[in-house]
Amino acid sequence: FLLCFNAHWEDIEVTLPPAEYGSRWAIVVDTAAGEVLTLTTV
């Protein structure tokens, strides 16, 4: 997993780590949108 924390009062552009850490990522929690999603049955 990646956890992206932004406690700043403005949006921040974040570059994801290089491919050796993972080539493709799904956003499963977004606190701004209030969404919790899942890749598998949870």
All heavy atoms as atom14 arrays in JSON, in Angstrom:
{
  "sequence": "FLLCFNAHWEDIEVTLPPAEYGSRWAIVVDTAAGEVLTLTTV",
  "atom14_mask": [
    [1, 1, 1, 1, 1, 1, 1, 1, 1, 1, 1, 0, 0, 0],
    [1, 1, 1, 1, 1, 1, 1, 1, 0, 0, 0, 0, 0, 0],
    [1, 1, 1, 1, 1, 1, 1, 1, 0, 0, 0, 0, 0, 0],
    [1, 1, 1, 1, 1, 1, 0, 0, 0, 0, 0, 0, 0, 0],
    [1, 1, 1, 1, 1, 1, 1, 1, 1, 1, 1, 0, 0, 0],
    [1, 1, 1, 1, 1, 1, 1, 1, 0, 0, 0, 0, 0, 0],
    [1, 1, 1, 1, 1, 0, 0, 0, 0, 0, 0, 0, 0, 0],
    [1, 1, 1, 1, 1, 1, 1, 1, 1, 1, 0, 0, 0, 0],
    [1, 1, 1, 1, 1, 1, 1, 1, 1, 1, 1, 1, 1, 1],
    [1, 1, 1, 1, 1, 1, 1, 1, 1, 0, 0, 0, 0, 0],
    [1, 1, 1, 1, 1, 1, 1, 1, 0, 0, 0, 0, 0, 0],
    [1, 1, 1, 1, 1, 1, 1, 1, 0, 0, 0, 0, 0, 0],
    [1, 1, 1, 1, 1, 1, 1, 1, 1, 0, 0, 0, 0, 0],
    [1, 1, 1, 1, 1, 1, 1, 0, 0, 0, 0, 0, 0, 0],
    [1, 1, 1, 1, 1, 1, 1, 0, 0, 0, 0, 0, 0, 0],
    [1, 1, 1, 1, 1, 1, 1, 1, 0, 0, 0, 0, 0, 0],
    [1, 1, 1, 1, 1, 1, 1, 0, 0, 0, 0, 0, 0, 0],
    [1, 1, 1, 1, 1, 1, 1, 0, 0, 0, 0, 0, 0, 0],
    [1, 1, 1, 1, 1, 0, 0, 0, 0, 0, 0, 0, 0, 0],
    [1, 1, 1, 1, 1, 1, 1, 1, 1, 0, 0, 0, 0, 0],
    [1, 1, 1, 1, 1, 1, 1, 1, 1, 1, 1, 1, 0, 0],
    [1, 1, 1, 1, 0, 0, 0, 0, 0, 0, 0, 0, 0, 0],
    [1, 1, 1, 1, 1, 1, 0, 0, 0, 0, 0, 0, 0, 0],
    [1, 1, 1, 1, 1, 1, 1, 1, 1, 1, 1, 0, 0, 0],
    [1, 1, 1, 1, 1, 1, 1, 1, 1, 1, 1, 1, 1, 1],
    [1, 1, 1, 1, 1, 0, 0, 0, 0, 0, 0, 0, 0, 0],
    [1, 1, 1, 1, 1, 1, 1, 1, 0, 0, 0, 0, 0, 0],
    [1, 1, 1, 1, 1, 1, 1, 0, 0, 0, 0, 0, 0, 0],
    [1, 1, 1, 1, 1, 1, 1, 0, 0, 0, 0, 0, 0, 0],
    [1, 1, 1, 1, 1, 1, 1, 1, 0, 0, 0, 0, 0, 0],
    [1, 1, 1, 1, 1, 1, 1, 0, 0, 0, 0, 0, 0, 0],
    [1, 1, 1, 1, 1, 0, 0, 0, 0, 0, 0, 0, 0, 0],
    [1, 1, 1, 1, 1, 0, 0, 0, 0, 0, 0, 0, 0, 0],
    [1, 1, 1, 1, 0, 0, 0, 0, 0, 0, 0, 0, 0, 0],
    [1, 1, 1, 1, 1, 1, 1, 1, 1, 0, 0, 0, 0, 0],
    [1, 1, 1, 1, 1, 1, 1, 0, 0, 0, 0, 0, 0, 0],
    [1, 1, 1, 1, 1, 1, 1, 1, 0, 0, 0, 0, 0, 0],
    [1, 1, 1, 1, 1, 1, 1, 0, 0, 0, 0, 0, 0, 0],
    [1, 1, 1, 1, 1, 1, 1, 1, 0, 0, 0, 0, 0, 0],
    [1, 1, 1, 1, 1, 1, 1, 0, 0, 0, 0, 0, 0, 0],
    [1, 1, 1, 1, 1, 1, 1, 0, 0, 0, 0, 0, 0, 0],
    [1, 1, 1, 1, 1, 1, 1, 0, 0, 0, 0, 0, 0, 0]
  ],
  "atom14_positions": [
    [[0.83, -1.2, 0.0], [0.0, 0.0, 0.0], [0.87, 1.25, 0.0], [2.01, 1.25, 0.48], [-0.9, 0.03, 1.24], [-2.03, -0.96, 1.19], [-1.84, -2.28, 1.58], [-3.3, -0.58, 0.76], [-2.87, -3.19, 1.54], [-4.34, -1.49, 0.73], [-4.13, -2.8, 1.11], [0.0, 0.0, 0.0], [0.0, 0.0, 0.0], [0.0, 0.0, 0.0]],
    [[0.3, 2.32, -0.53], [0.83, 3.67, -0.38], [-0.15, 4.49, 0.42], [-1.37, 4.42, 0.18], [1.05, 4.33, -1.75], [2.13, 3.78, -2.67], [2.09, 4.52, -4.01], [3.51, 3.92, -2.03], [0.0, 0.0, 0.0], [0.0, 0.0, 0.0], [0.0, 0.0, 0.0], [0.0, 0.0, 0.0], [0.0, 0.0, 0.0], [0.0, 0.0, 0.0]],
    [[0.35, 5.26, 1.36], [-0.46, 6.19, 2.13], [0.03, 7.59, 1.8], [1.18, 7.93, 2.09], [-0.32, 5.93, 3.63], [-0.47, 4.49, 4.12], [-0.21, 4.42, 5.62], [-1.85, 3.96, 3.78], [0.0, 0.0, 0.0], [0.0, 0.0, 0.0], [0.0, 0.0, 0.0], [0.0, 0.0, 0.0], [0.0, 0.0, 0.0], [0.0, 0.0, 0.0]],
    [[-0.83, 8.4, 1.2], [-0.46, 9.76, 0.81], [-1.16, 10.75, 1.75], [-2.38, 10.92, 1.67], [-0.86, 10.04, -0.64], [-0.05, 8.98, -1.84], [0.0, 0.0, 0.0], [0.0, 0.0, 0.0], [0.0, 0.0, 0.0], [0.0, 0.0, 0.0], [0.0, 0.0, 0.0], [0.0, 0.0, 0.0], [0.0, 0.0, 0.0], [0.0, 0.0, 0.0]],
    [[-0.37, 11.37, 2.63], [-0.91, 12.32, 3.6], [-0.67, 13.74, 3.11], [0.47, 14.09, 2.77], [-0.21, 12.14, 4.95], [-0.46, 10.83, 5.62], [0.36, 9.74, 5.38], [-1.52, 10.68, 6.52], [0.13, 8.52, 6.01], [-1.75, 9.48, 7.16], [-0.92, 8.39, 6.9], [0.0, 0.0, 0.0], [0.0, 0.0, 0.0], [0.0, 0.0, 0.0]],
    [[-1.7, 14.56, 3.12], [-1.55, 15.98, 2.82], [-2.3, 16.78, 3.88], [-3.52, 16.92, 3.84], [-2.1, 16.32, 1.43], [-1.97, 17.81, 1.13], [-1.23, 18.53, 1.81], [-2.67, 18.27, 0.11], [0.0, 0.0, 0.0], [0.0, 0.0, 0.0], [0.0, 0.0, 0.0], [0.0, 0.0, 0.0], [0.0, 0.0, 0.0], [0.0, 0.0, 0.0]],
    [[-1.54, 17.32, 4.85], [-2.15, 18.13, 5.89], [-2.11, 19.61, 5.56], [-2.49, 20.45, 6.38], [-1.43, 17.89, 7.23], [0.0, 0.0, 0.0], [0.0, 0.0, 0.0], [0.0, 0.0, 0.0], [0.0, 0.0, 0.0], [0.0, 0.0, 0.0], [0.0, 0.0, 0.0], [0.0, 0.0, 0.0], [0.0, 0.0, 0.0], [0.0, 0.0, 0.0]],
    [[-1.67, 19.94, 4.34], [-1.59, 21.34, 3.91], [-2.98, 21.85, 3.55], [-3.89, 21.08, 3.23], [-0.67, 21.45, 2.7], [-0.25, 22.83, 2.38], [0.21, 23.71, 3.33], [-0.21, 23.51, 1.2], [0.52, 24.86, 2.75], [0.26, 24.77, 1.47], [0.0, 0.0, 0.0], [0.0, 0.0, 0.0], [0.0, 0.0, 0.0], [0.0, 0.0, 0.0]],
    [[-3.14, 23.19, 3.62], [-4.46, 23.78, 3.32], [-4.72, 23.9, 1.83], [-5.8, 24.3, 1.4], [-4.59, 25.14, 4.0], [-3.54, 26.15, 3.62], [-2.32, 26.31, 4.19], [-3.63, 27.15, 2.6], [-1.63, 27.33, 3.6], [-2.42, 27.87, 2.63], [-4.61, 27.5, 1.68], [-2.15, 28.92, 1.74], [-4.35, 28.56, 0.81], [-3.15, 29.25, 0.84]],
    [[-3.71, 23.51, 0.99], [-3.88, 23.53, -0.46], [-3.64, 22.13, -1.03], [-2.96, 21.31, -0.42], [-2.89, 24.5, -1.11], [-3.15, 25.96, -0.83], [-2.14, 26.86, -1.53], [-0.96, 26.45, -1.64], [-2.53, 27.96, -1.97], [0.0, 0.0, 0.0], [0.0, 0.0, 0.0], [0.0, 0.0, 0.0], [0.0, 0.0, 0.0], [0.0, 0.0, 0.0]],
    [[-4.21, 21.89, -2.24], [-3.91, 20.64, -2.94], [-2.42, 20.56, -3.22], [-1.75, 21.59, -3.41], [-4.67, 20.57, -4.27], [-6.18, 20.56, -4.1], [-6.64, 20.46, -2.95], [-6.89, 20.67, -5.12], [0.0, 0.0, 0.0], [0.0, 0.0, 0.0], [0.0, 0.0, 0.0], [0.0, 0.0, 0.0], [0.0, 0.0, 0.0], [0.0, 0.0, 0.0]],
    [[-1.88, 19.35, -3.26], [-0.46, 19.14, -3.57], [-0.34, 18.07, -4.65], [-1.01, 17.03, -4.59], [0.34, 18.74, -2.31], [0.44, 19.93, -1.35], [1.74, 18.25, -2.68], [1.26, 19.65, -0.1], [0.0, 0.0, 0.0], [0.0, 0.0, 0.0], [0.0, 0.0, 0.0], [0.0, 0.0, 0.0], [0.0, 0.0, 0.0], [0.0, 0.0, 0.0]],
    [[0.51, 18.35, -5.64], [0.8, 17.37, -6.69], [1.85, 16.39, -6.17], [2.95, 16.79, -5.78], [1.3, 18.07, -7.95], [0.31, 19.05, -8.56], [-0.96, 18.35, -9.01], [-0.85, 17.29, -9.67], [-2.06, 18.85, -8.7], [0.0, 0.0, 0.0], [0.0, 0.0, 0.0], [0.0, 0.0, 0.0], [0.0, 0.0, 0.0], [0.0, 0.0, 0.0]],
    [[1.5, 15.12, -6.17], [2.38, 14.09, -5.64], [2.72, 13.11, -6.74], [1.82, 12.57, -7.42], [1.71, 13.35, -4.46], [2.53, 12.14, -4.05], [1.53, 14.3, -3.28], [0.0, 0.0, 0.0], [0.0, 0.0, 0.0], [0.0, 0.0, 0.0], [0.0, 0.0, 0.0], [0.0, 0.0, 0.0], [0.0, 0.0, 0.0], [0.0, 0.0, 0.0]],
    [[4.01, 12.88, -6.93], [4.47, 11.88, -7.9], [4.61, 10.54, -7.2], [5.27, 10.45, -6.14], [5.81, 12.3, -8.52], [5.66, 13.56, -9.17], [6.28, 11.25, -9.52], [0.0, 0.0, 0.0], [0.0, 0.0, 0.0], [0.0, 0.0, 0.0], [0.0, 0.0, 0.0], [0.0, 0.0, 0.0], [0.0, 0.0, 0.0], [0.0, 0.0, 0.0]],
    [[3.99, 9.52, -7.77], [4.07, 8.2, -7.15], [5.47, 7.62, -7.28], [6.22, 7.97, -8.22], [3.05, 7.25, -7.79], [1.69, 7.17, -7.08], [1.0, 8.53, -7.07], [0.81, 6.13, -7.73], [0.0, 0.0, 0.0], [0.0, 0.0, 0.0], [0.0, 0.0, 0.0], [0.0, 0.0, 0.0], [0.0, 0.0, 0.0], [0.0, 0.0, 0.0]],
    [[5.88, 6.74, -6.36], [7.23, 6.15, -6.41], [7.46, 5.38, -7.71], [6.51, 5.02, -8.42], [7.23, 5.2, -5.21], [6.16, 5.71, -4.3], [5.1, 6.27, -5.2], [0.0, 0.0, 0.0], [0.0, 0.0, 0.0], [0.0, 0.0, 0.0], [0.0, 0.0, 0.0], [0.0, 0.0, 0.0], [0.0, 0.0, 0.0], [0.0, 0.0, 0.0]],
    [[8.73, 5.11, -8.03], [9.05, 4.39, -9.27], [8.52, 2.95, -9.27], [8.09, 2.42, -8.25], [10.58, 4.42, -9.31], [11.01, 4.71, -7.9], [9.93, 5.53, -7.3], [0.0, 0.0, 0.0], [0.0, 0.0, 0.0], [0.0, 0.0, 0.0], [0.0, 0.0, 0.0], [0.0, 0.0, 0.0], [0.0, 0.0, 0.0], [0.0, 0.0, 0.0]],
    [[8.61, 2.31, -10.42], [7.94, 1.04, -10.66], [8.41, -0.1, -9.77], [7.66, -1.06, -9.55], [8.11, 0.64, -12.14], [0.0, 0.0, 0.0], [0.0, 0.0, 0.0], [0.0, 0.0, 0.0], [0.0, 0.0, 0.0], [0.0, 0.0, 0.0], [0.0, 0.0, 0.0], [0.0, 0.0, 0.0], [0.0, 0.0, 0.0], [0.0, 0.0, 0.0]],
    [[9.65, -0.03, -9.26], [10.09, -1.15, -8.41], [9.24, -1.28, -7.14], [9.22, -2.34, -6.5], [11.57, -1.02, -8.03], [11.94, 0.22, -7.28], [12.55, 1.27, -8.21], [12.14, 1.33, -9.39], [13.44, 2.01, -7.74], [0.0, 0.0, 0.0], [0.0, 0.0, 0.0], [0.0, 0.0, 0.0], [0.0, 0.0, 0.0], [0.0, 0.0, 0.0]],
    [[8.54, -0.24, -6.77], [7.64, -0.3, -5.61], [6.24, -0.75, -6.01], [5.44, -1.12, -5.15], [7.57, 1.06, -4.92], [8.88, 1.45, -4.29], [9.81, 2.22, -4.98], [9.2, 1.03, -3.0], [11.03, 2.56, -4.41], [10.41, 1.37, -2.42], [11.32, 2.13, -3.12], [12.52, 2.46, -2.55], [0.0, 0.0, 0.0], [0.0, 0.0, 0.0]],
    [[5.96, -0.73, -7.29], [4.65, -1.12, -7.79], [4.33, -0.32, -9.04], [4.49, 0.91, -9.05], [0.0, 0.0, 0.0], [0.0, 0.0, 0.0], [0.0, 0.0, 0.0], [0.0, 0.0, 0.0], [0.0, 0.0, 0.0], [0.0, 0.0, 0.0], [0.0, 0.0, 0.0], [0.0, 0.0, 0.0], [0.0, 0.0, 0.0], [0.0, 0.0, 0.0]],
    [[3.89, -1.01, -10.07], [3.68, -0.3, -11.34], [2.27, 0.28, -11.47], [2.05, 1.2, -12.25], [3.94, -1.25, -12.51], [3.06, -2.37, -12.44], [0.0, 0.0, 0.0], [0.0, 0.0, 0.0], [0.0, 0.0, 0.0], [0.0, 0.0, 0.0], [0.0, 0.0, 0.0], [0.0, 0.0, 0.0], [0.0, 0.0, 0.0], [0.0, 0.0, 0.0]],
    [[1.33, -0.25, -10.73], [-0.05, 0.22, -10.87], [-0.74, 0.19, -9.5], [-0.62, -0.78, -8.76], [-0.81, -0.66, -11.87], [-2.18, -0.14, -12.25], [-2.8, -1.04, -13.32], [-4.09, -0.55, -13.76], [-4.26, 0.37, -14.72], [-3.2, 0.86, -15.35], [-5.46, 0.78, -15.06], [0.0, 0.0, 0.0], [0.0, 0.0, 0.0], [0.0, 0.0, 0.0]],
    [[-1.46, 1.26, -9.21], [-2.06, 1.42, -7.88], [-3.53, 1.8, -8.01], [-3.91, 2.58, -8.88], [-1.33, 2.51, -7.09], [0.12, 2.22, -6.87], [1.15, 2.53, -7.7], [0.68, 1.53, -5.76], [2.33, 2.08, -7.17], [2.07, 1.47, -5.98], [0.15, 0.97, -4.6], [2.94, 0.86, -5.08], [1.0, 0.37, -3.7], [2.39, 0.31, -3.94]],
    [[-4.33, 1.24, -7.12], [-5.76, 1.57, -7.07], [-6.03, 2.41, -5.83], [-5.54, 2.1, -4.74], [-6.61, 0.3, -7.03], [0.0, 0.0, 0.0], [0.0, 0.0, 0.0], [0.0, 0.0, 0.0], [0.0, 0.0, 0.0], [0.0, 0.0, 0.0], [0.0, 0.0, 0.0], [0.0, 0.0, 0.0], [0.0, 0.0, 0.0], [0.0, 0.0, 0.0]],
    [[-6.8, 3.47, -5.98], [-7.15, 4.34, -4.85], [-8.34, 3.71, -4.13], [-9.47, 3.73, -4.62], [-7.5, 5.76, -5.33], [-6.3, 6.38, -6.06], [-7.9, 6.63, -4.12], [-6.59, 7.74, -6.67], [0.0, 0.0, 0.0], [0.0, 0.0, 0.0], [0.0, 0.0, 0.0], [0.0, 0.0, 0.0], [0.0, 0.0, 0.0], [0.0, 0.0, 0.0]],
    [[-8.1, 3.15, -2.94], [-9.15, 2.45, -2.22], [-9.76, 3.28, -1.09], [-10.85, 2.97, -0.61], [-8.64, 1.09, -1.67], [-8.32, 0.14, -2.83], [-7.43, 1.27, -0.77], [0.0, 0.0, 0.0], [0.0, 0.0, 0.0], [0.0, 0.0, 0.0], [0.0, 0.0, 0.0], [0.0, 0.0, 0.0], [0.0, 0.0, 0.0], [0.0, 0.0, 0.0]],
    [[-9.05, 4.31, -0.64], [-9.61, 5.23, 0.35], [-9.27, 6.65, -0.08], [-8.11, 6.95, -0.39], [-9.06, 4.98, 1.77], [-9.67, 6.0, 2.75], [-9.35, 3.57, 2.24], [0.0, 0.0, 0.0], [0.0, 0.0, 0.0], [0.0, 0.0, 0.0], [0.0, 0.0, 0.0], [0.0, 0.0, 0.0], [0.0, 0.0, 0.0], [0.0, 0.0, 0.0]],
    [[-10.29, 7.49, -0.09], [-10.11, 8.91, -0.42], [-10.9, 9.7, 0.61], [-12.13, 9.75, 0.56], [-10.62, 9.19, -1.83], [-10.44, 10.64, -2.25], [-10.15, 11.49, -1.38], [-10.6, 10.94, -3.45], [0.0, 0.0, 0.0], [0.0, 0.0, 0.0], [0.0, 0.0, 0.0], [0.0, 0.0, 0.0], [0.0, 0.0, 0.0], [0.0, 0.0, 0.0]],
    [[-10.2, 10.31, 1.58], [-10.93, 11.0, 2.65], [-11.57, 12.29, 2.16], [-12.51, 12.78, 2.79], [-10.0, 11.31, 3.84], [-8.97, 12.21, 3.43], [-9.4, 10.04, 4.41], [0.0, 0.0, 0.0], [0.0, 0.0, 0.0], [0.0, 0.0, 0.0], [0.0, 0.0, 0.0], [0.0, 0.0, 0.0], [0.0, 0.0, 0.0], [0.0, 0.0, 0.0]],
    [[-11.07, 12.86, 1.08], [-11.7, 14.07, 0.54], [-13.07, 13.73, -0.05], [-14.05, 14.44, 0.17], [-10.81, 14.71, -0.52], [0.0, 0.0, 0.0], [0.0, 0.0, 0.0], [0.0, 0.0, 0.0], [0.0, 0.0, 0.0], [0.0, 0.0, 0.0], [0.0, 0.0, 0.0], [0.0, 0.0, 0.0], [0.0, 0.0, 0.0], [0.0, 0.0, 0.0]],
    [[-13.13, 12.63, -0.79], [-14.4, 12.21, -1.4], [-15.26, 11.42, -0.42], [-16.46, 11.22, -0.66], [-14.12, 11.36, -2.64], [0.0, 0.0, 0.0], [0.0, 0.0, 0.0], [0.0, 0.0, 0.0], [0.0, 0.0, 0.0], [0.0, 0.0, 0.0], [0.0, 0.0, 0.0], [0.0, 0.0, 0.0], [0.0, 0.0, 0.0], [0.0, 0.0, 0.0]],
    [[-14.65, 10.93, 0.66], [-15.41, 10.13, 1.62], [-15.7, 8.74, 1.11], [-16.75, 8.16, 1.45], [0.0, 0.0, 0.0], [0.0, 0.0, 0.0], [0.0, 0.0, 0.0], [0.0, 0.0, 0.0], [0.0, 0.0, 0.0], [0.0, 0.0, 0.0], [0.0, 0.0, 0.0], [0.0, 0.0, 0.0], [0.0, 0.0, 0.0], [0.0, 0.0, 0.0]],
    [[-14.76, 8.17, 0.32], [-15.01, 6.87, -0.31], [-14.04, 5.81, 0.22], [-12.85, 6.08, 0.41], [-14.85, 6.97, -1.83], [-15.91, 7.82, -2.51], [-15.72, 7.88, -4.01], [-14.59, 7.6, -4.48], [-16.7, 8.22, -4.72], [0.0, 0.0, 0.0], [0.0, 0.0, 0.0], [0.0, 0.0, 0.0], [0.0, 0.0, 0.0], [0.0, 0.0, 0.0]],
    [[-14.58, 4.62, 0.43], [-13.77, 3.43, 0.69], [-14.21, 2.39, -0.31], [-15.37, 1.97, -0.33], [-13.96, 2.9, 2.13], [-13.06, 1.69, 2.37], [-13.67, 3.99, 3.14], [0.0, 0.0, 0.0], [0.0, 0.0, 0.0], [0.0, 0.0, 0.0], [0.0, 0.0, 0.0], [0.0, 0.0, 0.0], [0.0, 0.0, 0.0], [0.0, 0.0, 0.0]],
    [[-13.27, 1.97, -1.17], [-13.58, 0.99, -2.22], [-12.71, -0.24, -1.98], [-11.92, -0.29, -1.04], [-13.32, 1.6, -3.6], [-14.03, 2.94, -3.87], [-13.59, 3.52, -5.2], [-15.54, 2.77, -3.83], [0.0, 0.0, 0.0], [0.0, 0.0, 0.0], [0.0, 0.0, 0.0], [0.0, 0.0, 0.0], [0.0, 0.0, 0.0], [0.0, 0.0, 0.0]],
    [[-12.81, -1.21, -2.84], [-12.04, -2.43, -2.62], [-11.73, -3.12, -3.94], [-12.52, -3.06, -4.89], [-12.79, -3.41, -1.7], [-11.98, -4.58, -1.52], [-14.13, -3.82, -2.26], [0.0, 0.0, 0.0], [0.0, 0.0, 0.0], [0.0, 0.0, 0.0], [0.0, 0.0, 0.0], [0.0, 0.0, 0.0], [0.0, 0.0, 0.0], [0.0, 0.0, 0.0]],
    [[-10.56, -3.75, -3.97], [-10.18, -4.56, -5.13], [-10.75, -5.97, -5.03], [-10.99, -6.63, -6.02], [-8.65, -4.66, -5.23], [-7.9, -3.4, -5.67], [-6.41, -3.63, -5.52], [-8.24, -3.04, -7.09], [0.0, 0.0, 0.0], [0.0, 0.0, 0.0], [0.0, 0.0, 0.0], [0.0, 0.0, 0.0], [0.0, 0.0, 0.0], [0.0, 0.0, 0.0]],
    [[-10.95, -6.42, -3.8], [-11.45, -7.77, -3.57], [-12.67, -7.69, -2.68], [-13.05, -6.63, -2.2], [-10.36, -8.63, -2.9], [-9.94, -8.0, -1.7], [-9.16, -8.81, -3.82], [0.0, 0.0, 0.0], [0.0, 0.0, 0.0], [0.0, 0.0, 0.0], [0.0, 0.0, 0.0], [0.0, 0.0, 0.0], [0.0, 0.0, 0.0], [0.0, 0.0, 0.0]],
    [[-13.28, -8.82, -2.43], [-14.46, -8.84, -1.57], [-14.05, -8.66, -0.12], [-13.36, -9.48, 0.46], [-15.21, -10.18, -1.74], [-15.59, -10.33, -3.11], [-16.45, -10.19, -0.87], [0.0, 0.0, 0.0], [0.0, 0.0, 0.0], [0.0, 0.0, 0.0], [0.0, 0.0, 0.0], [0.0, 0.0, 0.0], [0.0, 0.0, 0.0], [0.0, 0.0, 0.0]],
    [[-14.47, -7.53, 0.44], [-14.21, -7.22, 1.84], [-15.54, -6.87, 2.48], [-16.2, -5.92, 2.07], [-13.23, -6.04, 2.0], [-13.07, -5.67, 3.46], [-11.88, -6.37, 1.38], [0.0, 0.0, 0.0], [0.0, 0.0, 0.0], [0.0, 0.0, 0.0], [0.0, 0.0, 0.0], [0.0, 0.0, 0.0], [0.0, 0.0, 0.0], [0.0, 0.0, 0.0]]
  ]
}
